[in-house]
Amino acid sequence: MTAQDVYNIAKALPKEEYIHLYAMLQGSLSTTQPNVIKKATLITDLQAQQYLLKNIFSEESIKNRIK
């Protein structure tokens, strides 16, 4: 049975039965949104360049690597 079949059957119900069906479905279905894992934000090109200049290509880091 597909959702379309159920929809057509529900539309054909009398108003009292439709209300009863709605109450039953509300009780059995979860209304909370599923937890969505947020992806880590990527850094911009400017932030990447600043990181490289500060940590990789700085004079201090070059001196430390030469030792």
PDB file of N, CA and C in Angstrom:
ATOM      1  N   MET A   1       0.854  -1.168   0.000  1.00  0.00           N
ATOM      2  CA  MET A   1       0.000   0.000   0.000  1.00  0.00           C
ATOM      3  C   MET A   1       0.903   1.236   0.000  1.00  0.00           C
ATOM      4  N   THR A   2       0.550   2.184  -0.808  1.00  0.00           N
ATOM      5  CA  THR A   2       1.352   3.398  -0.913  1.00  0.00           C
ATOM      6  C   THR A   2       0.707   4.530  -0.120  1.00  0.00           C
ATOM      7  N   ALA A   3       1.460   5.584   0.069  1.00  0.00           N
ATOM      8  CA  ALA A   3       0.950   6.752   0.781  1.00  0.00           C
ATOM      9  C   ALA A   3      -0.228   7.366   0.025  1.00  0.00           C
ATOM     10  N   GLN A   4      -0.184   7.304  -1.291  1.00  0.00           N
ATOM     11  CA  GLN A   4      -1.283   7.848  -2.095  1.00  0.00           C
ATOM     12  C   GLN A   4      -2.572   7.074  -1.836  1.00  0.00           C
ATOM     13  N   ASP A   5      -2.478   5.741  -1.704  1.00  0.00           N
ATOM     14  CA  ASP A   5      -3.657   4.926  -1.394  1.00  0.00           C
ATOM     15  C   ASP A   5      -4.247   5.322  -0.042  1.00  0.00           C
ATOM     16  N   VAL A   6      -3.391   5.459   0.949  1.00  0.00           N
ATOM     17  CA  VAL A   6      -3.849   5.823   2.291  1.00  0.00           C
ATOM     18  C   VAL A   6      -4.476   7.211   2.273  1.00  0.00           C
ATOM     19  N   TYR A   7      -3.879   8.117   1.524  1.00  0.00           N
ATOM     20  CA  TYR A   7      -4.415   9.475   1.418  1.00  0.00           C
ATOM     21  C   TYR A   7      -5.826   9.452   0.827  1.00  0.00           C
ATOM     22  N   ASN A   8      -6.006   8.700  -0.232  1.00  0.00           N
ATOM     23  CA  ASN A   8      -7.328   8.619  -0.867  1.00  0.00           C
ATOM     24  C   ASN A   8      -8.356   8.013   0.072  1.00  0.00           C
ATOM     25  N   ILE A   9      -7.960   6.996   0.832  1.00  0.00           N
ATOM     26  CA  ILE A   9      -8.883   6.372   1.785  1.00  0.00           C
ATOM     27  C   ILE A   9      -9.232   7.362   2.895  1.00  0.00           C
ATOM     28  N   ALA A  10      -8.230   8.081   3.401  1.00  0.00           N
ATOM     29  CA  ALA A  10      -8.470   9.041   4.477  1.00  0.00           C
ATOM     30  C   ALA A  10      -9.390  10.165   4.007  1.00  0.00           C
ATOM     31  N   LYS A  11      -9.241  10.591   2.761  1.00  0.00           N
ATOM     32  CA  LYS A  11     -10.113  11.642   2.231  1.00  0.00           C
ATOM     33  C   LYS A  11     -11.564  11.173   2.141  1.00  0.00           C
ATOM     34  N   ALA A  12     -11.776   9.865   1.978  1.00  0.00           N
ATOM     35  CA  ALA A  12     -13.125   9.333   1.836  1.00  0.00           C
ATOM     36  C   ALA A  12     -13.805   9.085   3.183  1.00  0.00           C
ATOM     37  N   LEU A  13     -13.055   9.182   4.279  1.00  0.00           N
ATOM     38  CA  LEU A  13     -13.632   8.926   5.599  1.00  0.00           C
ATOM     39  C   LEU A  13     -14.611  10.026   5.991  1.00  0.00           C
ATOM     40  N   PRO A  14     -15.612   9.657   6.805  1.00  0.00           N
ATOM     41  CA  PRO A  14     -16.472  10.696   7.374  1.00  0.00           C
ATOM     42  C   PRO A  14     -15.651  11.586   8.318  1.00  0.00           C
ATOM     43  N   LYS A  15     -16.148  12.772   8.593  1.00  0.00           N
ATOM     44  CA  LYS A  15     -15.394  13.745   9.383  1.00  0.00           C
ATOM     45  C   LYS A  15     -15.020  13.195  10.760  1.00  0.00           C
ATOM     46  N   GLU A  16     -15.936  12.492  11.414  1.00  0.00           N
ATOM     47  CA  GLU A  16     -15.666  11.947  12.752  1.00  0.00           C
ATOM     48  C   GLU A  16     -14.526  10.932  12.703  1.00  0.00           C
ATOM     49  N   GLU A  17     -14.551  10.058  11.710  1.00  0.00           N
ATOM     50  CA  GLU A  17     -13.496   9.051  11.580  1.00  0.00           C
ATOM     51  C   GLU A  17     -12.169   9.690  11.187  1.00  0.00           C
ATOM     52  N   TYR A  18     -12.229  10.744  10.396  1.00  0.00           N
ATOM     53  CA  TYR A  18     -11.010  11.452   9.998  1.00  0.00           C
ATOM     54  C   TYR A  18     -10.335  12.066  11.222  1.00  0.00           C
ATOM     55  N   ILE A  19     -11.140  12.664  12.098  1.00  0.00           N
ATOM     56  CA  ILE A  19     -10.605  13.252  13.330  1.00  0.00           C
ATOM     57  C   ILE A  19     -10.005  12.163  14.212  1.00  0.00           C
ATOM     58  N   HIS A  20     -10.681  11.023  14.305  1.00  0.00           N
ATOM     59  CA  HIS A  20     -10.177   9.903  15.101  1.00  0.00           C
ATOM     60  C   HIS A  20      -8.858   9.381  14.517  1.00  0.00           C
ATOM     61  N   LEU A  21      -8.781   9.241  13.216  1.00  0.00           N
ATOM     62  CA  LEU A  21      -7.550   8.789  12.556  1.00  0.00           C
ATOM     63  C   LEU A  21      -6.415   9.775  12.800  1.00  0.00           C
ATOM     64  N   TYR A  22      -6.710  11.052  12.709  1.00  0.00           N
ATOM     65  CA  TYR A  22      -5.694  12.083  12.933  1.00  0.00           C
ATOM     66  C   TYR A  22      -5.141  11.999  14.359  1.00  0.00           C
ATOM     67  N   ALA A  23      -6.030  11.807  15.328  1.00  0.00           N
ATOM     68  CA  ALA A  23      -5.596  11.689  16.725  1.00  0.00           C
ATOM     69  C   ALA A  23      -4.729  10.447  16.917  1.00  0.00           C
ATOM     70  N   MET A  24      -5.086   9.358  16.271  1.00  0.00           N
ATOM     71  CA  MET A  24      -4.294   8.127  16.381  1.00  0.00           C
ATOM     72  C   MET A  24      -2.910   8.318  15.764  1.00  0.00           C
ATOM     73  N   LEU A  25      -2.863   8.974  14.617  1.00  0.00           N
ATOM     74  CA  LEU A  25      -1.574   9.191  13.960  1.00  0.00           C
ATOM     75  C   LEU A  25      -0.689  10.142  14.758  1.00  0.00           C
ATOM     76  N   GLN A  26      -1.275  11.165  15.346  1.00  0.00           N
ATOM     77  CA  GLN A  26      -0.491  12.096  16.150  1.00  0.00           C
ATOM     78  C   GLN A  26       0.147  11.385  17.333  1.00  0.00           C
ATOM     79  N   GLY A  27      -0.571  10.460  17.935  1.00  0.00           N
ATOM     80  CA  GLY A  27      -0.042   9.740  19.088  1.00  0.00           C
ATOM     81  C   GLY A  27       1.073   8.784  18.727  1.00  0.00           C
ATOM     82  N   SER A  28       1.033   8.233  17.526  1.00  0.00           N
ATOM     83  CA  SER A  28       2.026   7.223  17.170  1.00  0.00           C
ATOM     84  C   SER A  28       3.232   7.784  16.431  1.00  0.00           C
ATOM     85  N   LEU A  29       3.104   8.981  15.865  1.00  0.00           N
ATOM     86  CA  LEU A  29       4.222   9.573  15.134  1.00  0.00           C
ATOM     87  C   LEU A  29       4.966  10.557  16.015  1.00  0.00           C
ATOM     88  N   SER A  30       6.262  10.573  15.879  1.00  0.00           N
ATOM     89  CA  SER A  30       7.093  11.505  16.629  1.00  0.00           C
ATOM     90  C   SER A  30       7.067  12.855  15.930  1.00  0.00           C
ATOM     91  N   THR A  31       6.871  13.901  16.708  1.00  0.00           N
ATOM     92  CA  THR A  31       6.833  15.234  16.113  1.00  0.00           C
ATOM     93  C   THR A  31       8.163  15.961  16.247  1.00  0.00           C
ATOM     94  N   THR A  32       9.132  15.341  16.905  1.00  0.00           N
ATOM     95  CA  THR A  32      10.433  15.999  17.051  1.00  0.00           C
ATOM     96  C   THR A  32      11.246  15.804  15.784  1.00  0.00           C
ATOM     97  N   GLN A  33      12.058  16.787  15.489  1.00  0.00           N
ATOM     98  CA  GLN A  33      12.925  16.716  14.322  1.00  0.00           C
ATOM     99  C   GLN A  33      14.110  15.811  14.645  1.00  0.00           C
ATOM    100  N   PRO A  34      14.561  15.019  13.690  1.00  0.00           N
ATOM    101  CA  PRO A  34      15.732  14.183  13.946  1.00  0.00           C
ATOM    102  C   PRO A  34      16.968  15.052  14.148  1.00  0.00           C
ATOM    103  N   ASN A  35      17.880  14.542  14.968  1.00  0.00           N
ATOM    104  CA  ASN A  35      19.121  15.282  15.211  1.00  0.00           C
ATOM    105  C   ASN A  35      19.950  15.305  13.940  1.00  0.00           C
ATOM    106  N   VAL A  36      20.366  16.477  13.573  1.00  0.00           N
ATOM    107  CA  VAL A  36      21.182  16.652  12.379  1.00  0.00           C
ATOM    108  C   VAL A  36      22.579  17.036  12.836  1.00  0.00           C
ATOM    109  N   ILE A  37      23.547  16.281  12.382  1.00  0.00           N
ATOM    110  CA  ILE A  37      24.923  16.574  12.743  1.00  0.00           C
ATOM    111  C   ILE A  37      25.408  17.714  11.864  1.00  0.00           C
ATOM    112  N   LYS A  38      25.872  18.757  12.503  1.00  0.00           N
ATOM    113  CA  LYS A  38      26.348  19.912  11.752  1.00  0.00           C
ATOM    114  C   LYS A  38      27.763  19.639  11.271  1.00  0.00           C
ATOM    115  N   LYS A  39      27.991  19.958  10.027  1.00  0.00           N
ATOM    116  CA  LYS A  39      29.326  19.804   9.468  1.00  0.00           C
ATOM    117  C   LYS A  39      30.196  20.957   9.949  1.00  0.00           C
ATOM    118  N   ALA A  40      31.457  20.665  10.122  1.00  0.00           N
ATOM    119  CA  ALA A  40      32.392  21.718  10.508  1.00  0.00           C
ATOM    120  C   ALA A  40      32.493  22.726   9.370  1.00  0.00           C
ATOM    121  N   THR A  41      32.517  23.975   9.740  1.00  0.00           N
ATOM    122  CA  THR A  41      32.599  25.000   8.706  1.00  0.00           C
ATOM    123  C   THR A  41      34.009  25.044   8.141  1.00  0.00           C
ATOM    124  N   LEU A  42      34.088  25.167   6.856  1.00  0.00           N
ATOM    125  CA  LEU A  42      35.377  25.262   6.200  1.00  0.00           C
ATOM    126  C   LEU A  42      35.907  26.673   6.354  1.00  0.00           C
ATOM    127  N   ILE A  43      37.220  26.775   6.371  1.00  0.00           N
ATOM    128  CA  ILE A  43      37.807  28.102   6.491  1.00  0.00           C
ATOM    129  C   ILE A  43      37.896  28.735   5.107  1.00  0.00           C
ATOM    130  N   THR A  44      37.934  30.030   5.105  1.00  0.00           N
ATOM    131  CA  THR A  44      38.021  30.747   3.831  1.00  0.00           C
ATOM    132  C   THR A  44      39.455  30.721   3.322  1.00  0.00           C
ATOM    133  N   ASP A  45      39.641  31.119   2.090  1.00  0.00           N
ATOM    134  CA  ASP A  45      40.983  31.182   1.510  1.00  0.00           C
ATOM    135  C   ASP A  45      41.868  32.150   2.290  1.00  0.00           C
ATOM    136  N   LEU A  46      41.293  33.264   2.682  1.00  0.00           N
ATOM    137  CA  LEU A  46      42.065  34.253   3.428  1.00  0.00           C
ATOM    138  C   LEU A  46      42.522  33.682   4.770  1.00  0.00           C
ATOM    139  N   GLN A  47      41.634  32.974   5.454  1.00  0.00           N
ATOM    140  CA  GLN A  47      42.004  32.366   6.729  1.00  0.00           C
ATOM    141  C   GLN A  47      43.087  31.313   6.537  1.00  0.00           C
ATOM    142  N   ALA A  48      43.010  30.549   5.467  1.00  0.00           N
ATOM    143  CA  ALA A  48      44.026  29.533   5.189  1.00  0.00           C
ATOM    144  C   ALA A  48      45.374  30.184   4.911  1.00  0.00           C
ATOM    145  N   GLN A  49      45.371  31.245   4.137  1.00  0.00           N
ATOM    146  CA  GLN A  49      46.620  31.951   3.839  1.00  0.00           C
ATOM    147  C   GLN A  49      47.231  32.533   5.106  1.00  0.00           C
ATOM    148  N   GLN A  50      46.405  33.125   5.947  1.00  0.00           N
ATOM    149  CA  GLN A  50      46.914  33.701   7.187  1.00  0.00           C
ATOM    150  C   GLN A  50      47.501  32.620   8.094  1.00  0.00           C
ATOM    151  N   TYR A  51      46.854  31.469   8.163  1.00  0.00           N
ATOM    152  CA  TYR A  51      47.368  30.370   8.978  1.00  0.00           C
ATOM    153  C   TYR A  51      48.726  29.902   8.458  1.00  0.00           C
ATOM    154  N   LEU A  52      48.819  29.716   7.151  1.00  0.00           N
ATOM    155  CA  LEU A  52      50.083  29.254   6.572  1.00  0.00           C
ATOM    156  C   LEU A  52      51.203  30.260   6.806  1.00  0.00           C
ATOM    157  N   LEU A  53      50.918  31.528   6.609  1.00  0.00           N
ATOM    158  CA  LEU A  53      51.943  32.546   6.817  1.00  0.00           C
ATOM    159  C   LEU A  53      52.378  32.617   8.279  1.00  0.00           C
ATOM    160  N   LYS A  54      51.457  32.462   9.180  1.00  0.00           N
ATOM    161  CA  LYS A  54      51.770  32.575  10.603  1.00  0.00           C
ATOM    162  C   LYS A  54      52.478  31.330  11.130  1.00  0.00           C
ATOM    163  N   ASN A  55      52.040  30.139  10.735  1.00  0.00           N
ATOM    164  CA  ASN A  55      52.533  28.910  11.345  1.00  0.00           C
ATOM    165  C   ASN A  55      53.560  28.152  10.518  1.00  0.00           C
ATOM    166  N   ILE A  56      53.536  28.270   9.234  1.00  0.00           N
ATOM    167  CA  ILE A  56      54.435  27.484   8.393  1.00  0.00           C
ATOM    168  C   ILE A  56      55.576  28.335   7.849  1.00  0.00           C
ATOM    169  N   PHE A  57      55.266  29.503   7.356  1.00  0.00           N
ATOM    170  CA  PHE A  57      56.267  30.317   6.676  1.00  0.00           C
ATOM    171  C   PHE A  57      56.807  31.467   7.525  1.00  0.00           C
ATOM    172  N   SER A  58      56.540  31.456   8.811  1.00  0.00           N
ATOM    173  CA  SER A  58      57.088  32.521   9.656  1.00  0.00           C
ATOM    174  C   SER A  58      58.567  32.256   9.909  1.00  0.00           C
ATOM    175  N   GLU A  59      59.294  33.294  10.253  1.00  0.00           N
ATOM    176  CA  GLU A  59      60.735  33.165  10.474  1.00  0.00           C
ATOM    177  C   GLU A  59      61.033  32.209  11.620  1.00  0.00           C
ATOM    178  N   GLU A  60      60.240  32.277  12.676  1.00  0.00           N
ATOM    179  CA  GLU A  60      60.476  31.409  13.831  1.00  0.00           C
ATOM    180  C   GLU A  60      60.299  29.937  13.478  1.00  0.00           C
ATOM    181  N   SER A  61      59.253  29.614  12.743  1.00  0.00           N
ATOM    182  CA  SER A  61      59.028  28.210  12.404  1.00  0.00           C
ATOM    183  C   SER A  61      60.093  27.694  11.440  1.00  0.00           C
ATOM    184  N   ILE A  62      60.576  28.541  10.563  1.00  0.00           N
ATOM    185  CA  ILE A  62      61.641  28.135   9.636  1.00  0.00           C
ATOM    186  C   ILE A  62      62.924  27.883  10.417  1.00  0.00           C
ATOM    187  N   LYS A  63      63.250  28.759  11.377  1.00  0.00           N
ATOM    188  CA  LYS A  63      64.447  28.576  12.203  1.00  0.00           C
ATOM    189  C   LYS A  63      64.351  27.296  13.024  1.00  0.00           C
ATOM    190  N   ASN A  64      63.166  27.002  13.547  1.00  0.00           N
ATOM    191  CA  ASN A  64      62.984  25.787  14.348  1.00  0.00           C
ATOM    192  C   ASN A  64      63.141  24.534  13.494  1.00  0.00           C
ATOM    193  N   ARG A  65      62.728  24.580  12.257  1.00  0.00           N
ATOM    194  CA  ARG A  65      62.856  23.417  11.376  1.00  0.00           C
ATOM    195  C   ARG A  65      64.298  23.209  10.931  1.00  0.00           C
ATOM    196  N   ILE A  66      65.051  24.274  10.822  1.00  0.00           N
ATOM    197  CA  ILE A  66      66.444  24.164  10.378  1.00  0.00           C
ATOM    198  C   ILE A  66      67.300  23.537  11.474  1.00  0.00           C
ATOM    199  N   LYS A  67      66.998  23.800  12.726  1.00  0.00           N
ATOM    200  CA  LYS A  67      67.799  23.282  13.840  1.00  0.00           C
ATOM    201  C   LYS A  67      67.798  21.803  13.908  1.00  0.00           C
TER     202      LYS A  67
END
